[in-house]
N, C-alpha and C. Protein backbone atom coordinates (compact mmCIF):
# COMPACT_ATOMS: atom_id res chain seq x y z
N UNK A 1 -0.63 10.58 -0.86
CA UNK A 1 -0.77 9.14 -1.16
C UNK A 1 -1.14 9.00 -2.58
N UNK A 2 -0.62 7.99 -3.20
CA UNK A 2 -0.95 7.75 -4.61
C UNK A 2 -1.21 6.27 -4.79
N UNK A 3 -2.40 5.96 -5.43
CA UNK A 3 -2.71 4.59 -5.75
C UNK A 3 -2.59 4.49 -7.26
N UNK A 4 -1.88 3.44 -7.74
CA UNK A 4 -1.69 3.27 -9.16
C UNK A 4 -2.11 1.89 -9.63
N UNK A 5 -2.81 1.88 -10.74
CA UNK A 5 -3.13 0.64 -11.41
C UNK A 5 -2.02 0.39 -12.45
N UNK A 6 -1.59 -0.89 -12.57
CA UNK A 6 -0.60 -1.20 -13.56
C UNK A 6 -0.89 -2.55 -14.21
N UNK A 7 -0.94 -2.61 -15.50
CA UNK A 7 -1.23 -3.80 -16.25
C UNK A 7 -2.50 -4.52 -15.74
N UNK A 8 -3.55 -3.66 -15.51
CA UNK A 8 -4.82 -4.21 -15.07
C UNK A 8 -4.89 -4.62 -13.64
N UNK A 9 -3.82 -4.46 -12.91
CA UNK A 9 -3.78 -4.87 -11.48
C UNK A 9 -3.90 -3.53 -10.70
N UNK A 10 -4.79 -3.54 -9.68
CA UNK A 10 -4.98 -2.33 -8.91
C UNK A 10 -5.07 -2.65 -7.40
N UNK A 11 -4.69 -1.69 -6.59
CA UNK A 11 -4.71 -1.91 -5.16
C UNK A 11 -6.13 -2.06 -4.63
N UNK A 12 -6.31 -2.87 -3.58
CA UNK A 12 -7.53 -3.00 -2.86
C UNK A 12 -7.26 -2.64 -1.38
N UNK A 13 -8.17 -1.95 -0.74
CA UNK A 13 -7.84 -1.59 0.63
C UNK A 13 -9.11 -1.69 1.51
N UNK A 14 -8.83 -2.03 2.77
CA UNK A 14 -9.83 -2.14 3.80
C UNK A 14 -10.26 -0.75 4.32
N UNK A 15 -10.94 -0.75 5.42
CA UNK A 15 -11.39 0.56 6.00
C UNK A 15 -10.35 1.12 6.93
N UNK A 16 -10.39 2.43 7.05
CA UNK A 16 -9.59 3.09 8.08
C UNK A 16 -8.09 3.15 7.77
N UNK A 17 -7.72 3.03 6.52
CA UNK A 17 -6.27 3.11 6.15
C UNK A 17 -5.80 4.56 6.16
N UNK A 18 -4.55 4.77 6.49
CA UNK A 18 -3.96 6.11 6.54
C UNK A 18 -2.74 6.11 5.62
N UNK A 19 -2.63 7.14 4.79
CA UNK A 19 -1.49 7.27 3.88
C UNK A 19 -0.89 8.64 4.05
N UNK A 20 0.36 8.73 4.53
CA UNK A 20 1.04 10.01 4.66
C UNK A 20 1.45 10.49 3.26
N UNK A 21 1.71 11.78 3.16
CA UNK A 21 2.19 12.31 1.90
C UNK A 21 3.46 11.62 1.41
N UNK A 22 3.51 11.38 0.13
CA UNK A 22 4.69 10.75 -0.45
C UNK A 22 4.59 9.21 -0.48
N UNK A 23 3.55 8.62 0.05
CA UNK A 23 3.48 7.14 0.03
C UNK A 23 2.84 6.72 -1.28
N UNK A 24 3.22 5.51 -1.73
CA UNK A 24 2.72 4.95 -3.00
C UNK A 24 2.35 3.52 -2.84
N UNK A 25 1.20 3.19 -3.46
CA UNK A 25 0.78 1.77 -3.51
C UNK A 25 0.48 1.49 -4.97
N UNK A 26 1.19 0.45 -5.50
CA UNK A 26 1.19 0.21 -6.97
C UNK A 26 0.85 -1.25 -7.25
N UNK A 27 -0.07 -1.50 -8.20
CA UNK A 27 -0.31 -2.81 -8.68
C UNK A 27 -1.20 -3.66 -7.76
N UNK A 28 -0.96 -4.94 -7.76
CA UNK A 28 -1.86 -5.91 -7.05
C UNK A 28 -1.47 -6.01 -5.59
N UNK A 29 -1.96 -5.03 -4.82
CA UNK A 29 -1.67 -4.93 -3.38
C UNK A 29 -3.00 -4.97 -2.67
N UNK A 30 -3.15 -5.88 -1.69
CA UNK A 30 -4.31 -5.99 -0.87
C UNK A 30 -3.99 -5.53 0.54
N UNK A 31 -4.69 -4.44 0.98
CA UNK A 31 -4.41 -3.85 2.30
C UNK A 31 -5.60 -4.21 3.23
N UNK A 32 -5.27 -4.65 4.44
CA UNK A 32 -6.27 -4.95 5.42
C UNK A 32 -6.84 -3.67 5.99
N UNK A 33 -7.55 -3.79 7.07
CA UNK A 33 -8.19 -2.64 7.79
C UNK A 33 -7.12 -1.97 8.65
N UNK A 34 -7.20 -0.67 8.74
CA UNK A 34 -6.39 0.17 9.64
C UNK A 34 -4.92 0.00 9.40
N UNK A 35 -4.50 -0.02 8.10
CA UNK A 35 -3.09 -0.06 7.71
C UNK A 35 -2.60 1.34 7.63
N UNK A 36 -1.41 1.61 8.19
CA UNK A 36 -0.81 2.93 8.15
C UNK A 36 0.45 2.93 7.26
N UNK A 37 0.50 3.85 6.30
CA UNK A 37 1.68 4.05 5.46
C UNK A 37 2.28 5.40 5.83
N UNK A 38 3.46 5.36 6.41
CA UNK A 38 4.15 6.61 6.81
C UNK A 38 4.83 7.24 5.62
N UNK A 39 5.51 8.38 5.84
CA UNK A 39 6.08 9.20 4.80
C UNK A 39 7.01 8.44 3.85
N UNK A 40 6.78 8.58 2.57
CA UNK A 40 7.64 8.06 1.45
C UNK A 40 7.78 6.55 1.49
N UNK A 41 6.76 5.80 1.98
CA UNK A 41 6.79 4.38 1.93
C UNK A 41 6.11 3.90 0.66
N UNK A 42 6.52 2.66 0.21
CA UNK A 42 6.05 2.11 -1.06
C UNK A 42 5.61 0.69 -0.89
N UNK A 43 4.54 0.31 -1.45
CA UNK A 43 4.10 -1.09 -1.53
C UNK A 43 3.88 -1.40 -3.03
N UNK A 44 4.66 -2.33 -3.55
CA UNK A 44 4.65 -2.62 -4.97
C UNK A 44 4.16 -4.06 -5.21
N UNK A 45 3.04 -4.20 -5.91
CA UNK A 45 2.51 -5.51 -6.33
C UNK A 45 2.63 -5.60 -7.85
N UNK A 46 3.77 -5.24 -8.37
CA UNK A 46 3.96 -5.21 -9.81
C UNK A 46 4.34 -6.62 -10.39
N UNK A 47 5.28 -7.28 -9.72
CA UNK A 47 5.74 -8.55 -10.18
C UNK A 47 4.88 -9.72 -9.59
N UNK A 48 4.69 -9.66 -8.29
CA UNK A 48 3.88 -10.64 -7.55
C UNK A 48 2.86 -9.83 -6.67
N UNK A 49 1.83 -10.52 -6.26
CA UNK A 49 0.79 -9.82 -5.41
C UNK A 49 1.36 -9.68 -3.99
N UNK A 50 0.87 -8.68 -3.36
CA UNK A 50 1.37 -8.36 -2.00
C UNK A 50 0.15 -8.15 -1.10
N UNK A 51 0.14 -8.77 0.14
CA UNK A 51 -0.90 -8.63 1.11
C UNK A 51 -0.32 -8.01 2.38
N UNK A 52 -0.94 -6.94 2.85
CA UNK A 52 -0.57 -6.32 4.07
C UNK A 52 -1.76 -6.48 5.05
N UNK A 53 -1.49 -7.16 6.18
CA UNK A 53 -2.56 -7.49 7.07
C UNK A 53 -3.12 -6.35 7.90
N UNK A 54 -4.20 -6.62 8.59
CA UNK A 54 -4.90 -5.63 9.45
C UNK A 54 -3.89 -5.04 10.45
N UNK A 55 -4.09 -3.76 10.76
CA UNK A 55 -3.36 -3.06 11.84
C UNK A 55 -1.81 -3.03 11.62
N UNK A 56 -1.40 -3.06 10.34
CA UNK A 56 0.03 -3.02 10.05
C UNK A 56 0.46 -1.56 9.94
N UNK A 57 1.68 -1.23 10.48
CA UNK A 57 2.23 0.10 10.40
C UNK A 57 3.51 -0.02 9.56
N UNK A 58 3.44 0.58 8.36
CA UNK A 58 4.64 0.62 7.44
C UNK A 58 5.33 1.96 7.66
N UNK A 59 6.53 1.95 8.23
CA UNK A 59 7.24 3.08 8.63
C UNK A 59 7.79 3.89 7.48
N UNK A 60 8.34 5.06 7.81
CA UNK A 60 8.96 5.94 6.76
C UNK A 60 10.02 5.22 5.94
N UNK A 61 9.96 5.49 4.65
CA UNK A 61 10.97 5.02 3.73
C UNK A 61 11.05 3.52 3.47
N UNK A 62 10.02 2.74 3.97
CA UNK A 62 10.01 1.28 3.80
C UNK A 62 9.50 0.96 2.43
N UNK A 63 10.15 0.00 1.77
CA UNK A 63 9.69 -0.45 0.44
C UNK A 63 9.36 -1.93 0.54
N UNK A 64 8.06 -2.24 0.19
CA UNK A 64 7.61 -3.63 0.24
C UNK A 64 7.42 -4.11 -1.22
């Protein structure tokens, strides 16, 4: 799992989040509690902010 800050925007996350290898969270992304990112999934908050709610499961290869 990789968290990246970009242009002063950085990810924020709740408790109990799981990140499988190869997952990326970039920019202004707000993650709720117990969010799961499966293998090679991406959440990008580079252009606009992104919010992922509590107990969300982001499956393999999904790009948000």
